[in-house]
Amino acid sequence: MIAGVGVAAAGAWFVMRRRVEVACTIDLESTHDHFHAHVDLDGVEVDPGDEVLVHNAPTHIPFGTQRTYASRATVQRASWLRRQFVKLTGGTELYELYDVGFEG
Protein backbone atom coordinates (compact mmCIF):
# COMPACT_ATOMS: atom_id res chain seq x y z
CA MET A 1 0.00 0.00 0.00
CA ILE A 2 2.78 2.45 0.92
CA ALA A 3 4.65 1.55 -2.28
CA GLY A 4 1.51 2.31 -4.31
CA VAL A 5 1.16 5.71 -2.68
CA GLY A 6 4.82 6.41 -3.42
CA VAL A 7 4.42 5.45 -7.07
CA ALA A 8 1.27 7.59 -7.38
CA ALA A 9 3.06 10.56 -5.78
CA ALA A 10 6.05 10.17 -8.13
CA GLY A 11 3.68 9.94 -11.11
CA ALA A 12 1.85 13.09 -10.06
CA TRP A 13 5.17 14.89 -9.57
CA PHE A 14 6.31 13.76 -13.04
CA VAL A 15 3.27 15.17 -14.87
CA MET A 16 2.86 18.32 -12.74
CA ARG A 17 3.40 21.53 -14.74
CA ARG A 18 3.39 25.22 -13.98
CA ARG A 19 2.24 27.72 -16.65
CA VAL A 20 3.75 31.15 -17.23
CA GLU A 21 2.48 33.62 -19.84
CA VAL A 22 5.07 36.02 -21.26
CA ALA A 23 5.51 38.56 -24.02
CA CYS A 24 7.58 37.44 -26.99
CA THR A 25 8.98 38.65 -30.30
CA ILE A 26 8.53 36.55 -33.45
CA ASP A 27 11.14 37.04 -36.19
CA LEU A 28 10.23 35.54 -39.57
CA GLU A 29 12.28 35.62 -42.76
CA SER A 30 11.56 34.06 -46.15
CA THR A 31 14.24 35.19 -48.58
CA HIS A 32 16.62 33.58 -51.06
CA ASP A 33 19.38 33.57 -48.41
CA HIS A 34 17.39 32.73 -45.26
CA PHE A 35 14.26 30.87 -44.27
CA HIS A 36 13.68 30.93 -40.53
CA ALA A 37 11.30 31.55 -37.65
CA HIS A 38 12.72 32.60 -34.28
CA VAL A 39 10.89 33.39 -31.05
CA ASP A 40 12.51 35.40 -28.26
CA LEU A 41 10.75 35.07 -24.91
CA ASP A 42 10.94 38.14 -22.68
CA GLY A 43 12.51 37.28 -19.32
CA VAL A 44 12.11 33.49 -19.50
CA GLU A 45 14.75 30.80 -19.98
CA VAL A 46 13.44 27.57 -21.51
CA ASP A 47 14.85 24.41 -19.90
CA PRO A 48 14.74 20.72 -20.93
CA GLY A 49 11.18 19.38 -20.76
CA ASP A 50 9.52 22.79 -20.96
CA GLU A 51 6.92 23.41 -23.68
CA VAL A 52 6.24 26.72 -25.43
CA LEU A 53 3.02 27.69 -27.21
CA VAL A 54 3.20 30.94 -29.22
CA HIS A 55 -0.16 32.68 -29.60
CA ASN A 56 -1.32 34.44 -32.79
CA ALA A 57 1.76 33.57 -34.83
CA PRO A 58 1.36 34.21 -38.57
CA THR A 59 1.19 31.06 -40.68
CA HIS A 60 3.07 32.46 -43.68
CA ILE A 61 4.79 35.54 -45.06
CA PRO A 62 5.41 36.41 -48.71
CA PHE A 63 8.68 35.23 -50.25
CA GLY A 64 11.39 37.89 -50.16
CA THR A 65 10.27 39.48 -46.88
CA GLN A 66 11.41 39.66 -43.30
CA ARG A 67 8.89 40.51 -40.57
CA THR A 68 8.94 40.96 -36.82
CA TYR A 69 5.80 40.59 -34.68
CA ALA A 70 5.04 41.19 -31.01
CA SER A 71 2.95 38.45 -29.43
CA ARG A 72 2.38 36.38 -26.27
CA ALA A 73 3.51 32.86 -25.40
CA THR A 74 2.59 30.30 -22.75
CA VAL A 75 5.51 28.38 -21.23
CA GLN A 76 4.67 25.13 -19.43
CA ARG A 77 7.45 24.41 -16.96
CA ALA A 78 8.48 20.80 -16.48
CA SER A 79 8.79 19.39 -12.96
CA TRP A 80 12.24 18.56 -11.62
CA LEU A 81 11.58 14.84 -12.17
CA ARG A 82 10.46 15.33 -15.79
CA ARG A 83 13.45 17.61 -16.45
CA GLN A 84 15.84 14.89 -15.23
CA PHE A 85 14.05 12.28 -17.37
CA VAL A 86 14.35 14.49 -20.47
CA LYS A 87 18.06 15.08 -19.81
CA LEU A 88 18.59 11.33 -19.43
CA THR A 89 16.66 10.31 -22.58
CA GLY A 90 17.22 13.43 -24.71
CA GLY A 91 19.97 11.90 -26.83
CA THR A 92 17.71 9.07 -27.94
CA GLU A 93 14.90 11.44 -28.96
CA LEU A 94 16.86 13.70 -31.27
CA TYR A 95 14.34 13.10 -34.08
CA GLU A 96 11.75 15.15 -32.14
CA LEU A 97 13.71 18.30 -32.95
CA TYR A 98 12.54 17.89 -36.52
CA ASP A 99 8.85 17.75 -35.52
CA VAL A 100 8.41 21.51 -35.91
CA GLY A 101 6.19 23.28 -38.38
CA PHE A 102 3.58 25.86 -39.12
CA GLU A 103 -0.05 24.89 -39.14
CA GLY A 104 -2.49 26.83 -41.25
PDB file of N, CA and C in Angstrom:
ATOM      1  N   MET A   1       0.823  -1.190   0.000  1.00  0.00           N
ATOM      2  CA  MET A   1       0.000   0.000   0.000  1.00  0.00           C
ATOM      3  C   MET A   1       0.872   1.261   0.000  1.00  0.00           C
ATOM      4  N   ILE A   2       1.895   1.285   0.853  1.00  0.00           N
ATOM      5  CA  ILE A   2       2.778   2.454   0.920  1.00  0.00           C
ATOM      6  C   ILE A   2       3.542   2.614  -0.388  1.00  0.00           C
ATOM      7  N   ALA A   3       3.941   1.479  -0.992  1.00  0.00           N
ATOM      8  CA  ALA A   3       4.647   1.552  -2.277  1.00  0.00           C
ATOM      9  C   ALA A   3       3.734   2.138  -3.352  1.00  0.00           C
ATOM     10  N   GLY A   4       2.466   1.768  -3.337  1.00  0.00           N
ATOM     11  CA  GLY A   4       1.511   2.310  -4.311  1.00  0.00           C
ATOM     12  C   GLY A   4       1.329   3.800  -4.169  1.00  0.00           C
ATOM     13  N   VAL A   5       1.281   4.271  -2.928  1.00  0.00           N
ATOM     14  CA  VAL A   5       1.155   5.707  -2.680  1.00  0.00           C
ATOM     15  C   VAL A   5       2.405   6.431  -3.173  1.00  0.00           C
ATOM     16  N   GLY A   6       3.565   5.818  -2.950  1.00  0.00           N
ATOM     17  CA  GLY A   6       4.823   6.415  -3.419  1.00  0.00           C
ATOM     18  C   GLY A   6       4.880   6.500  -4.931  1.00  0.00           C
ATOM     19  N   VAL A   7       4.438   5.445  -5.609  1.00  0.00           N
ATOM     20  CA  VAL A   7       4.416   5.446  -7.069  1.00  0.00           C
ATOM     21  C   VAL A   7       3.431   6.497  -7.584  1.00  0.00           C
ATOM     22  N   ALA A   8       2.269   6.594  -6.971  1.00  0.00           N
ATOM     23  CA  ALA A   8       1.274   7.590  -7.376  1.00  0.00           C
ATOM     24  C   ALA A   8       1.807   9.009  -7.169  1.00  0.00           C
ATOM     25  N   ALA A   9       2.496   9.236  -6.060  1.00  0.00           N
ATOM     26  CA  ALA A   9       3.063  10.558  -5.779  1.00  0.00           C
ATOM     27  C   ALA A   9       4.146  10.903  -6.797  1.00  0.00           C
ATOM     28  N   ALA A  10       5.006   9.938  -7.141  1.00  0.00           N
ATOM     29  CA  ALA A  10       6.054  10.174  -8.130  1.00  0.00           C
ATOM     30  C   ALA A  10       5.433  10.445  -9.499  1.00  0.00           C
ATOM     31  N   GLY A  11       4.367   9.711  -9.839  1.00  0.00           N
ATOM     32  CA  GLY A  11       3.683   9.938 -11.113  1.00  0.00           C
ATOM     33  C   GLY A  11       3.069  11.319 -11.185  1.00  0.00           C
ATOM     34  N   ALA A  12       2.442  11.752 -10.103  1.00  0.00           N
ATOM     35  CA  ALA A  12       1.846  13.091 -10.065  1.00  0.00           C
ATOM     36  C   ALA A  12       2.925  14.157 -10.179  1.00  0.00           C
ATOM     37  N   TRP A  13       4.059  13.939  -9.517  1.00  0.00           N
ATOM     38  CA  TRP A  13       5.175  14.892  -9.566  1.00  0.00           C
ATOM     39  C   TRP A  13       5.728  14.963 -10.986  1.00  0.00           C
ATOM     40  N   PHE A  14       5.768  13.820 -11.696  1.00  0.00           N
ATOM     41  CA  PHE A  14       6.311  13.759 -13.043  1.00  0.00           C
ATOM     42  C   PHE A  14       5.462  14.581 -14.015  1.00  0.00           C
ATOM     43  N   VAL A  15       4.149  14.496 -13.907  1.00  0.00           N
ATOM     44  CA  VAL A  15       3.268  15.174 -14.866  1.00  0.00           C
ATOM     45  C   VAL A  15       2.897  16.598 -14.452  1.00  0.00           C
ATOM     46  N   MET A  16       3.204  16.994 -13.234  1.00  0.00           N
ATOM     47  CA  MET A  16       2.857  18.325 -12.743  1.00  0.00           C
ATOM     48  C   MET A  16       3.565  19.401 -13.574  1.00  0.00           C
ATOM     49  N   ARG A  17       2.829  20.437 -13.949  1.00  0.00           N
ATOM     50  CA  ARG A  17       3.397  21.530 -14.740  1.00  0.00           C
ATOM     51  C   ARG A  17       2.900  22.871 -14.214  1.00  0.00           C
ATOM     52  N   ARG A  18       3.724  23.865 -14.363  1.00  0.00           N
ATOM     53  CA  ARG A  18       3.386  25.221 -13.975  1.00  0.00           C
ATOM     54  C   ARG A  18       3.388  26.065 -15.252  1.00  0.00           C
ATOM     55  N   ARG A  19       2.357  26.890 -15.440  1.00  0.00           N
ATOM     56  CA  ARG A  19       2.244  27.719 -16.646  1.00  0.00           C
ATOM     57  C   ARG A  19       2.634  29.157 -16.355  1.00  0.00           C
ATOM     58  N   VAL A  20       3.347  29.748 -17.311  1.00  0.00           N
ATOM     59  CA  VAL A  20       3.749  31.147 -17.231  1.00  0.00           C
ATOM     60  C   VAL A  20       3.440  31.776 -18.580  1.00  0.00           C
ATOM     61  N   GLU A  21       2.741  32.903 -18.591  1.00  0.00           N
ATOM     62  CA  GLU A  21       2.479  33.616 -19.837  1.00  0.00           C
ATOM     63  C   GLU A  21       3.413  34.818 -19.919  1.00  0.00           C
ATOM     64  N   VAL A  22       4.079  34.963 -21.083  1.00  0.00           N
ATOM     65  CA  VAL A  22       5.073  36.019 -21.260  1.00  0.00           C
ATOM     66  C   VAL A  22       4.894  36.693 -22.610  1.00  0.00           C
ATOM     67  N   ALA A  23       5.445  37.886 -22.729  1.00  0.00           N
ATOM     68  CA  ALA A  23       5.510  38.562 -24.020  1.00  0.00           C
ATOM     69  C   ALA A  23       6.652  37.944 -24.822  1.00  0.00           C
ATOM     70  N   CYS A  24       6.517  37.993 -26.151  1.00  0.00           N
ATOM     71  CA  CYS A  24       7.581  37.445 -26.994  1.00  0.00           C
ATOM     72  C   CYS A  24       7.657  38.223 -28.296  1.00  0.00           C
ATOM     73  N   THR A  25       8.764  38.051 -28.995  1.00  0.00           N
ATOM     74  CA  THR A  25       8.982  38.653 -30.300  1.00  0.00           C
ATOM     75  C   THR A  25       9.184  37.528 -31.300  1.00  0.00           C
ATOM     76  N   ILE A  26       8.436  37.562 -32.399  1.00  0.00           N
ATOM     77  CA  ILE A  26       8.534  36.554 -33.448  1.00  0.00           C
ATOM     78  C   ILE A  26       9.262  37.177 -34.633  1.00  0.00           C
ATOM     79  N   ASP A  27      10.361  36.560 -35.053  1.00  0.00           N
ATOM     80  CA  ASP A  27      11.143  37.038 -36.191  1.00  0.00           C
ATOM     81  C   ASP A  27      11.027  36.014 -37.320  1.00  0.00           C
ATOM     82  N   LEU A  28      10.421  36.420 -38.424  1.00  0.00           N
ATOM     83  CA  LEU A  28      10.232  35.536 -39.574  1.00  0.00           C
ATOM     84  C   LEU A  28      10.981  36.092 -40.776  1.00  0.00           C
ATOM     85  N   GLU A  29      11.617  35.201 -41.533  1.00  0.00           N
ATOM     86  CA  GLU A  29      12.282  35.621 -42.759  1.00  0.00           C
ATOM     87  C   GLU A  29      12.110  34.533 -43.812  1.00  0.00           C
ATOM     88  N   SER A  30      11.722  34.963 -45.017  1.00  0.00           N
ATOM     89  CA  SER A  30      11.560  34.056 -46.148  1.00  0.00           C
ATOM     90  C   SER A  30      12.187  34.725 -47.360  1.00  0.00           C
ATOM     91  N   THR A  31      13.505  34.589 -47.474  1.00  0.00           N
ATOM     92  CA  THR A  31      14.236  35.187 -48.583  1.00  0.00           C
ATOM     93  C   THR A  31      15.069  34.112 -49.273  1.00  0.00           C
ATOM     94  N   HIS A  32      15.753  34.516 -50.344  1.00  0.00           N
ATOM     95  CA  HIS A  32      16.617  33.582 -51.057  1.00  0.00           C
ATOM     96  C   HIS A  32      17.745  33.075 -50.156  1.00  0.00           C
ATOM     97  N   ASP A  33      18.251  33.932 -49.272  1.00  0.00           N
ATOM     98  CA  ASP A  33      19.378  33.570 -48.411  1.00  0.00           C
ATOM     99  C   ASP A  33      18.967  32.896 -47.109  1.00  0.00           C
ATOM    100  N   HIS A  34      17.795  33.247 -46.568  1.00  0.00           N
ATOM    101  CA  HIS A  34      17.388  32.735 -45.258  1.00  0.00           C
ATOM    102  C   HIS A  34      15.916  32.341 -45.248  1.00  0.00           C
ATOM    103  N   PHE A  35      15.636  31.281 -44.519  1.00  0.00           N
ATOM    104  CA  PHE A  35      14.261  30.869 -44.267  1.00  0.00           C
ATOM    105  C   PHE A  35      14.221  30.429 -42.809  1.00  0.00           C
ATOM    106  N   HIS A  36      13.674  31.283 -41.944  1.00  0.00           N
ATOM    107  CA  HIS A  36      13.682  30.931 -40.526  1.00  0.00           C
ATOM    108  C   HIS A  36      12.515  31.564 -39.771  1.00  0.00           C
ATOM    109  N   ALA A  37      12.272  31.009 -38.600  1.00  0.00           N
ATOM    110  CA  ALA A  37      11.303  31.548 -37.648  1.00  0.00           C
ATOM    111  C   ALA A  37      11.935  31.439 -36.267  1.00  0.00           C
ATOM    112  N   HIS A  38      12.137  32.563 -35.616  1.00  0.00           N
ATOM    113  CA  HIS A  38      12.724  32.596 -34.279  1.00  0.00           C
ATOM    114  C   HIS A  38      11.746  33.266 -33.318  1.00  0.00           C
ATOM    115  N   VAL A  39      11.707  32.781 -32.099  1.00  0.00           N
ATOM    116  CA  VAL A  39      10.890  33.386 -31.054  1.00  0.00           C
ATOM    117  C   VAL A  39      11.791  33.711 -29.875  1.00  0.00           C
ATOM    118  N   ASP A  40      11.780  34.961 -29.446  1.00  0.00           N
ATOM    119  CA  ASP A  40      12.510  35.401 -28.259  1.00  0.00           C
ATOM    120  C   ASP A  40      11.508  35.656 -27.151  1.00  0.00           C
ATOM    121  N   LEU A  41      11.635  34.911 -26.065  1.00  0.00           N
ATOM    122  CA  LEU A  41      10.747  35.072 -24.912  1.00  0.00           C
ATOM    123  C   LEU A  41      11.321  36.135 -23.992  1.00  0.00           C
ATOM    124  N   ASP A  42      10.484  37.053 -23.545  1.00  0.00           N
ATOM    125  CA  ASP A  42      10.938  38.139 -22.678  1.00  0.00           C
ATOM    126  C   ASP A  42      11.050  37.667 -21.231  1.00  0.00           C
ATOM    127  N   GLY A  43      12.273  37.575 -20.731  1.00  0.00           N
ATOM    128  CA  GLY A  43      12.510  37.281 -19.318  1.00  0.00           C
ATOM    129  C   GLY A  43      12.327  35.838 -18.903  1.00  0.00           C
ATOM    130  N   VAL A  44      12.308  34.896 -19.851  1.00  0.00           N
ATOM    131  CA  VAL A  44      12.110  33.489 -19.499  1.00  0.00           C
ATOM    132  C   VAL A  44      13.170  32.645 -20.191  1.00  0.00           C
ATOM    133  N   GLU A  45      13.796  31.774 -19.443  1.00  0.00           N
ATOM    134  CA  GLU A  45      14.749  30.805 -19.976  1.00  0.00           C
ATOM    135  C   GLU A  45      14.038  29.465 -20.100  1.00  0.00           C
ATOM    136  N   VAL A  46      14.086  28.855 -21.284  1.00  0.00           N
ATOM    137  CA  VAL A  46      13.443  27.566 -21.508  1.00  0.00           C
ATOM    138  C   VAL A  46      14.447  26.462 -21.164  1.00  0.00           C
ATOM    139  N   ASP A  47      14.006  25.513 -20.349  1.00  0.00           N
ATOM    140  CA  ASP A  47      14.854  24.414 -19.896  1.00  0.00           C
ATOM    141  C   ASP A  47      14.369  23.103 -20.497  1.00  0.00           C
ATOM    142  N   PRO A  48      15.166  22.029 -20.406  1.00  0.00           N
ATOM    143  CA  PRO A  48      14.738  20.724 -20.934  1.00  0.00           C
ATOM    144  C   PRO A  48      13.394  20.302 -20.336  1.00  0.00           C
ATOM    145  N   GLY A  49      12.496  19.841 -21.198  1.00  0.00           N
ATOM    146  CA  GLY A  49      11.185  19.382 -20.756  1.00  0.00           C
ATOM    147  C   GLY A  49      10.113  20.447 -20.788  1.00  0.00           C
ATOM    148  N   ASP A  50      10.494  21.715 -20.880  1.00  0.00           N
ATOM    149  CA  ASP A  50       9.517  22.792 -20.962  1.00  0.00           C
ATOM    150  C   ASP A  50       8.864  22.790 -22.346  1.00  0.00           C
ATOM    151  N   GLU A  51       7.632  23.286 -22.413  1.00  0.00           N
ATOM    152  CA  GLU A  51       6.919  23.411 -23.679  1.00  0.00           C
ATOM    153  C   GLU A  51       6.507  24.858 -23.863  1.00  0.00           C
ATOM    154  N   VAL A  52       6.580  25.338 -25.107  1.00  0.00           N
ATOM    155  CA  VAL A  52       6.241  26.723 -25.426  1.00  0.00           C
ATOM    156  C   VAL A  52       5.151  26.732 -26.490  1.00  0.00           C
ATOM    157  N   LEU A  53       4.093  27.495 -26.236  1.00  0.00           N
ATOM    158  CA  LEU A  53       3.018  27.690 -27.205  1.00  0.00           C
ATOM    159  C   LEU A  53       2.953  29.177 -27.522  1.00  0.00           C
ATOM    160  N   VAL A  54       3.224  29.535 -28.781  1.00  0.00           N
ATOM    161  CA  VAL A  54       3.196  30.935 -29.215  1.00  0.00           C
ATOM    162  C   VAL A  54       1.801  31.239 -29.734  1.00  0.00           C
ATOM    163  N   HIS A  55       1.193  32.299 -29.226  1.00  0.00           N
ATOM    164  CA  HIS A  55      -0.165  32.682 -29.603  1.00  0.00           C
ATOM    165  C   HIS A  55      -0.144  33.665 -30.776  1.00  0.00           C
ATOM    166  N   ASN A  56      -1.109  33.515 -31.672  1.00  0.00           N
ATOM    167  CA  ASN A  56      -1.324  34.438 -32.794  1.00  0.00           C
ATOM    168  C   ASN A  56      -0.108  34.593 -33.701  1.00  0.00           C
ATOM    169  N   ALA A  57       0.620  33.522 -33.909  1.00  0.00           N
ATOM    170  CA  ALA A  57       1.758  33.567 -34.830  1.00  0.00           C
ATOM    171  C   ALA A  57       1.242  33.488 -36.259  1.00  0.00           C
ATOM    172  N   PRO A  58       1.795  34.288 -37.177  1.00  0.00           N
ATOM    173  CA  PRO A  58       1.361  34.212 -38.570  1.00  0.00           C
ATOM    174  C   PRO A  58       1.738  32.857 -39.166  1.00  0.00           C
ATOM    175  N   THR A  59       0.932  32.371 -40.088  1.00  0.00           N
ATOM    176  CA  THR A  59       1.189  31.061 -40.682  1.00  0.00           C
ATOM    177  C   THR A  59       2.083  31.141 -41.909  1.00  0.00           C
ATOM    178  N   HIS A  60       2.179  32.311 -42.536  1.00  0.00           N
ATOM    179  CA  HIS A  60       3.073  32.463 -43.678  1.00  0.00           C
ATOM    180  C   HIS A  60       3.354  33.945 -43.910  1.00  0.00           C
ATOM    181  N   ILE A  61       4.469  34.192 -44.601  1.00  0.00           N
ATOM    182  CA  ILE A  61       4.795  35.541 -45.057  1.00  0.00           C
ATOM    183  C   ILE A  61       5.202  35.416 -46.526  1.00  0.00           C
ATOM    184  N   PRO A  62       5.040  36.473 -47.295  1.00  0.00           N
ATOM    185  CA  PRO A  62       5.408  36.408 -48.713  1.00  0.00           C
ATOM    186  C   PRO A  62       6.910  36.177 -48.895  1.00  0.00           C
ATOM    187  N   PHE A  63       7.272  35.466 -49.960  1.00  0.00           N
ATOM    188  CA  PHE A  63       8.678  35.234 -50.255  1.00  0.00           C
ATOM    189  C   PHE A  63       9.376  36.569 -50.498  1.00  0.00           C
ATOM    190  N   GLY A  64      10.596  36.679 -49.994  1.00  0.00           N
ATOM    191  CA  GLY A  64      11.385  37.894 -50.157  1.00  0.00           C
ATOM    192  C   GLY A  64      11.185  38.913 -49.060  1.00  0.00           C
ATOM    193  N   THR A  65      10.521  38.524 -47.972  1.00  0.00           N
ATOM    194  CA  THR A  65      10.268  39.476 -46.884  1.00  0.00           C
ATOM    195  C   THR A  65      10.834  38.978 -45.563  1.00  0.00           C
ATOM    196  N   GLN A  66      11.028  39.941 -44.685  1.00  0.00           N
ATOM    197  CA  GLN A  66      11.411  39.658 -43.296  1.00  0.00           C
ATOM    198  C   GLN A  66      10.486  40.483 -42.419  1.00  0.00           C
ATOM    199  N   ARG A  67       9.864  39.829 -41.434  1.00  0.00           N
ATOM    200  CA  ARG A  67       8.894  40.513 -40.575  1.00  0.00           C
ATOM    201  C   ARG A  67       9.181  40.199 -39.119  1.00  0.00           C
ATOM    202  N   THR A  68       8.824  41.140 -38.258  1.00  0.00           N
ATOM    203  CA  THR A  68       8.936  40.958 -36.817  1.00  0.00           C
ATOM    204  C   THR A  68       7.585  41.299 -36.203  1.00  0.00           C
ATOM    205  N   TYR A  69       7.104  40.429 -35.320  1.00  0.00           N
ATOM    206  CA  TYR A  69       5.800  40.595 -34.683  1.00  0.00           C
ATOM    207  C   TYR A  69       5.960  40.534 -33.165  1.00  0.00           C
ATOM    208  N   ALA A  70       5.132  41.290 -32.473  1.00  0.00           N
ATOM    209  CA  ALA A  70       5.042  41.187 -31.013  1.00  0.00           C
ATOM    210  C   ALA A  70       3.850  40.292 -30.693  1.00  0.00           C
ATOM    211  N   SER A  71       4.019  39.379 -29.757  1.00  0.00           N
ATOM    212  CA  SER A  71       2.950  38.446 -29.425  1.00  0.00           C
ATOM    213  C   SER A  71       3.079  38.006 -27.971  1.00  0.00           C
ATOM    214  N   ARG A  72       2.332  36.980 -27.611  1.00  0.00           N
ATOM    215  CA  ARG A  72       2.382  36.383 -26.271  1.00  0.00           C
ATOM    216  C   ARG A  72       2.660  34.898 -26.434  1.00  0.00           C
ATOM    217  N   ALA A  73       3.232  34.294 -25.400  1.00  0.00           N
ATOM    218  CA  ALA A  73       3.506  32.858 -25.403  1.00  0.00           C
ATOM    219  C   ALA A  73       3.214  32.287 -24.026  1.00  0.00           C
ATOM    220  N   THR A  74       2.794  31.029 -24.000  1.00  0.00           N
ATOM    221  CA  THR A  74       2.590  30.302 -22.749  1.00  0.00           C
ATOM    222  C   THR A  74       3.702  29.270 -22.620  1.00  0.00           C
ATOM    223  N   VAL A  75       4.433  29.339 -21.511  1.00  0.00           N
ATOM    224  CA  VAL A  75       5.506  28.383 -21.232  1.00  0.00           C
ATOM    225  C   VAL A  75       5.015  27.442 -20.146  1.00  0.00           C
ATOM    226  N   GLN A  76       5.023  26.130 -20.438  1.00  0.00           N
ATOM    227  CA  GLN A  76       4.670  25.131 -19.434  1.00  0.00           C
ATOM    228  C   GLN A  76       5.968  24.567 -18.884  1.00  0.00           C
ATOM    229  N   ARG A  77       6.220  24.850 -17.624  1.00  0.00           N
ATOM    230  CA  ARG A  77       7.453  24.412 -16.959  1.00  0.00           C
ATOM    231  C   ARG A  77       7.370  22.945 -16.576  1.00  0.00           C
ATOM    232  N   ALA A  78       8.414  22.208 -16.875  1.00  0.00           N
ATOM    233  CA  ALA A  78       8.482  20.801 -16.476  1.00  0.00           C
ATOM    234  C   ALA A  78       8.857  20.699 -15.000  1.00  0.00           C
ATOM    235  N   SER A  79       8.391  19.650 -14.348  1.00  0.00           N
ATOM    236  CA  SER A  79       8.786  19.394 -12.961  1.00  0.00           C
ATOM    237  C   SER A  79      10.250  18.955 -12.924  1.00  0.00           C
ATOM    238  N   TRP A  80      10.845  18.973 -11.761  1.00  0.00           N
ATOM    239  CA  TRP A  80      12.241  18.558 -11.619  1.00  0.00           C
ATOM    240  C   TRP A  80      12.411  17.122 -12.103  1.00  0.00           C
ATOM    241  N   LEU A  81      11.483  16.237 -11.778  1.00  0.00           N
ATOM    242  CA  LEU A  81      11.584  14.840 -12.171  1.00  0.00           C
ATOM    243  C   LEU A  81      11.501  14.689 -13.691  1.00  0.00           C
ATOM    244  N   ARG A  82      10.577  15.390 -14.328  1.00  0.00           N
ATOM    245  CA  ARG A  82      10.461  15.326 -15.794  1.00  0.00           C
ATOM    246  C   ARG A  82      11.715  15.904 -16.448  1.00  0.00           C
ATOM    247  N   ARG A  83      12.240  16.995 -15.897  1.00  0.00           N
ATOM    248  CA  ARG A  83      13.446  17.609 -16.446  1.00  0.00           C
ATOM    249  C   ARG A  83      14.619  16.623 -16.434  1.00  0.00           C
ATOM    250  N   GLN A  84      14.766  15.882 -15.328  1.00  0.00           N
ATOM    251  CA  GLN A  84      15.836  14.886 -15.234  1.00  0.00           C
ATOM    252  C   GLN A  84      15.620  13.760 -16.237  1.00  0.00           C
ATOM    253  N   PHE A  85      14.373  13.334 -16.415  1.00  0.00           N
ATOM    254  CA  PHE A  85      14.046  12.283 -17.371  1.00  0.00           C
ATOM    255  C   PHE A  85      14.392  12.729 -18.796  1.00  0.00           C
ATOM    256  N   VAL A  86      14.059  13.967 -19.140  1.00  0.00           N
ATOM    257  CA  VAL A  86      14.347  14.489 -20.474  1.00  0.00           C
ATOM    258  C   VAL A  86      15.852  14.586 -20.694  1.00  0.00           C
ATOM    259  N   LYS A  87      16.598  15.017 -19.684  1.00  0.00           N
ATOM    260  CA  LYS A  87      18.055  15.078 -19.806  1.00  0.00           C
ATOM    261  C   LYS A  87      18.638  13.692 -20.026  1.00  0.00           C
ATOM    262  N   LEU A  88      18.088  12.697 -19.334  1.00  0.00           N
ATOM    263  CA  LEU A  88      18.588  11.329 -19.434  1.00  0.00           C
ATOM    264  C   LEU A  88      18.282  10.713 -20.793  1.00  0.00           C
ATOM    265  N   THR A  89      17.089  10.954 -21.324  1.00  0.00           N
ATOM    266  CA  THR A  89      16.660  10.314 -22.575  1.00  0.00           C
ATOM    267  C   THR A  89      16.768  11.227 -23.783  1.00  0.00           C
ATOM    268  N   GLY A  90      17.209  12.453 -23.610  1.00  0.00           N
ATOM    269  CA  GLY A  90      17.220  13.426 -24.706  1.00  0.00           C
ATOM    270  C   GLY A  90      18.037  13.007 -25.907  1.00  0.00           C
ATOM    271  N   GLY A  91      19.134  12.325 -25.704  1.00  0.00           N
ATOM    272  CA  GLY A  91      19.970  11.901 -26.825  1.00  0.00           C
ATOM    273  C   GLY A  91      19.296  10.874 -27.704  1.00  0.00           C
ATOM    274  N   THR A  92      18.397  10.096 -27.150  1.00  0.00           N
ATOM    275  CA  THR A  92      17.706   9.067 -27.944  1.00  0.00           C
ATOM    276  C   THR A  92      16.488   9.625 -28.660  1.00  0.00           C
ATOM    277  N   GLU A  93      16.087  10.848 -28.344  1.00  0.00           N
ATOM    278  CA  GLU A  93      14.897  11.438 -28.955  1.00  0.00           C
ATOM    279  C   GLU A  93      15.239  12.642 -29.824  1.00  0.00           C
ATOM    280  N   LEU A  94      16.399  12.591 -30.439  1.00  0.00           N
ATOM    281  CA  LEU A  94      16.856  13.698 -31.269  1.00  0.00           C
ATOM    282  C   LEU A  94      15.900  13.967 -32.426  1.00  0.00           C
ATOM    283  N   TYR A  95      15.247  12.933 -32.938  1.00  0.00           N
ATOM    284  CA  TYR A  95      14.337  13.100 -34.077  1.00  0.00           C
ATOM    285  C   TYR A  95      13.197  14.052 -33.752  1.00  0.00           C
ATOM    286  N   GLU A  96      12.847  14.254 -32.493  1.00  0.00           N
ATOM    287  CA  GLU A  96      11.749  15.150 -32.142  1.00  0.00           C
ATOM    288  C   GLU A  96      12.073  16.607 -32.438  1.00  0.00           C
ATOM    289  N   LEU A  97      13.345  16.939 -32.588  1.00  0.00           N
ATOM    290  CA  LEU A  97      13.708  18.300 -32.947  1.00  0.00           C
ATOM    291  C   LEU A  97      13.197  18.649 -34.337  1.00  0.00           C
ATOM    292  N   TYR A  98      12.999  17.647 -35.176  1.00  0.00           N
ATOM    293  CA  TYR A  98      12.536  17.891 -36.525  1.00  0.00           C
ATOM    294  C   TYR A  98      11.011  17.980 -36.605  1.00  0.00           C
ATOM    295  N   ASP A  99      10.306  17.724 -35.535  1.00  0.00           N
ATOM    296  CA  ASP A  99       8.846  17.747 -35.516  1.00  0.00           C
ATOM    297  C   ASP A  99       8.364  19.159 -35.208  1.00  0.00           C
ATOM    298  N   VAL A 100       8.758  20.101 -36.072  1.00  0.00           N
ATOM    299  CA  VAL A 100       8.413  21.506 -35.910  1.00  0.00           C
ATOM    300  C   VAL A 100       7.804  21.985 -37.209  1.00  0.00           C
ATOM    301  N   GLY A 101       6.769  22.776 -37.146  1.00  0.00           N
ATOM    302  CA  GLY A 101       6.187  23.277 -38.381  1.00  0.00           C
ATOM    303  C   GLY A 101       5.149  24.337 -38.123  1.00  0.00           C
ATOM    304  N   PHE A 102       4.614  24.851 -39.192  1.00  0.00           N
ATOM    305  CA  PHE A 102       3.576  25.861 -39.121  1.00  0.00           C
ATOM    306  C   PHE A 102       2.273  25.218 -39.560  1.00  0.00           C
ATOM    307  N   GLU A 103       1.259  25.428 -38.789  1.00  0.00           N
ATOM    308  CA  GLU A 103      -0.052  24.892 -39.140  1.00  0.00           C
ATOM    309  C   GLU A 103      -0.914  26.032 -39.656  1.00  0.00           C
ATOM    310  N   GLY A 104      -1.661  25.772 -40.676  1.00  0.00           N
ATOM    311  CA  GLY A 104      -2.486  26.829 -41.246  1.00  0.00           C
ATOM    312  C   GLY A 104      -3.917  26.469 -41.349  1.00  0.00           C
TER     313      GLY A 104
END
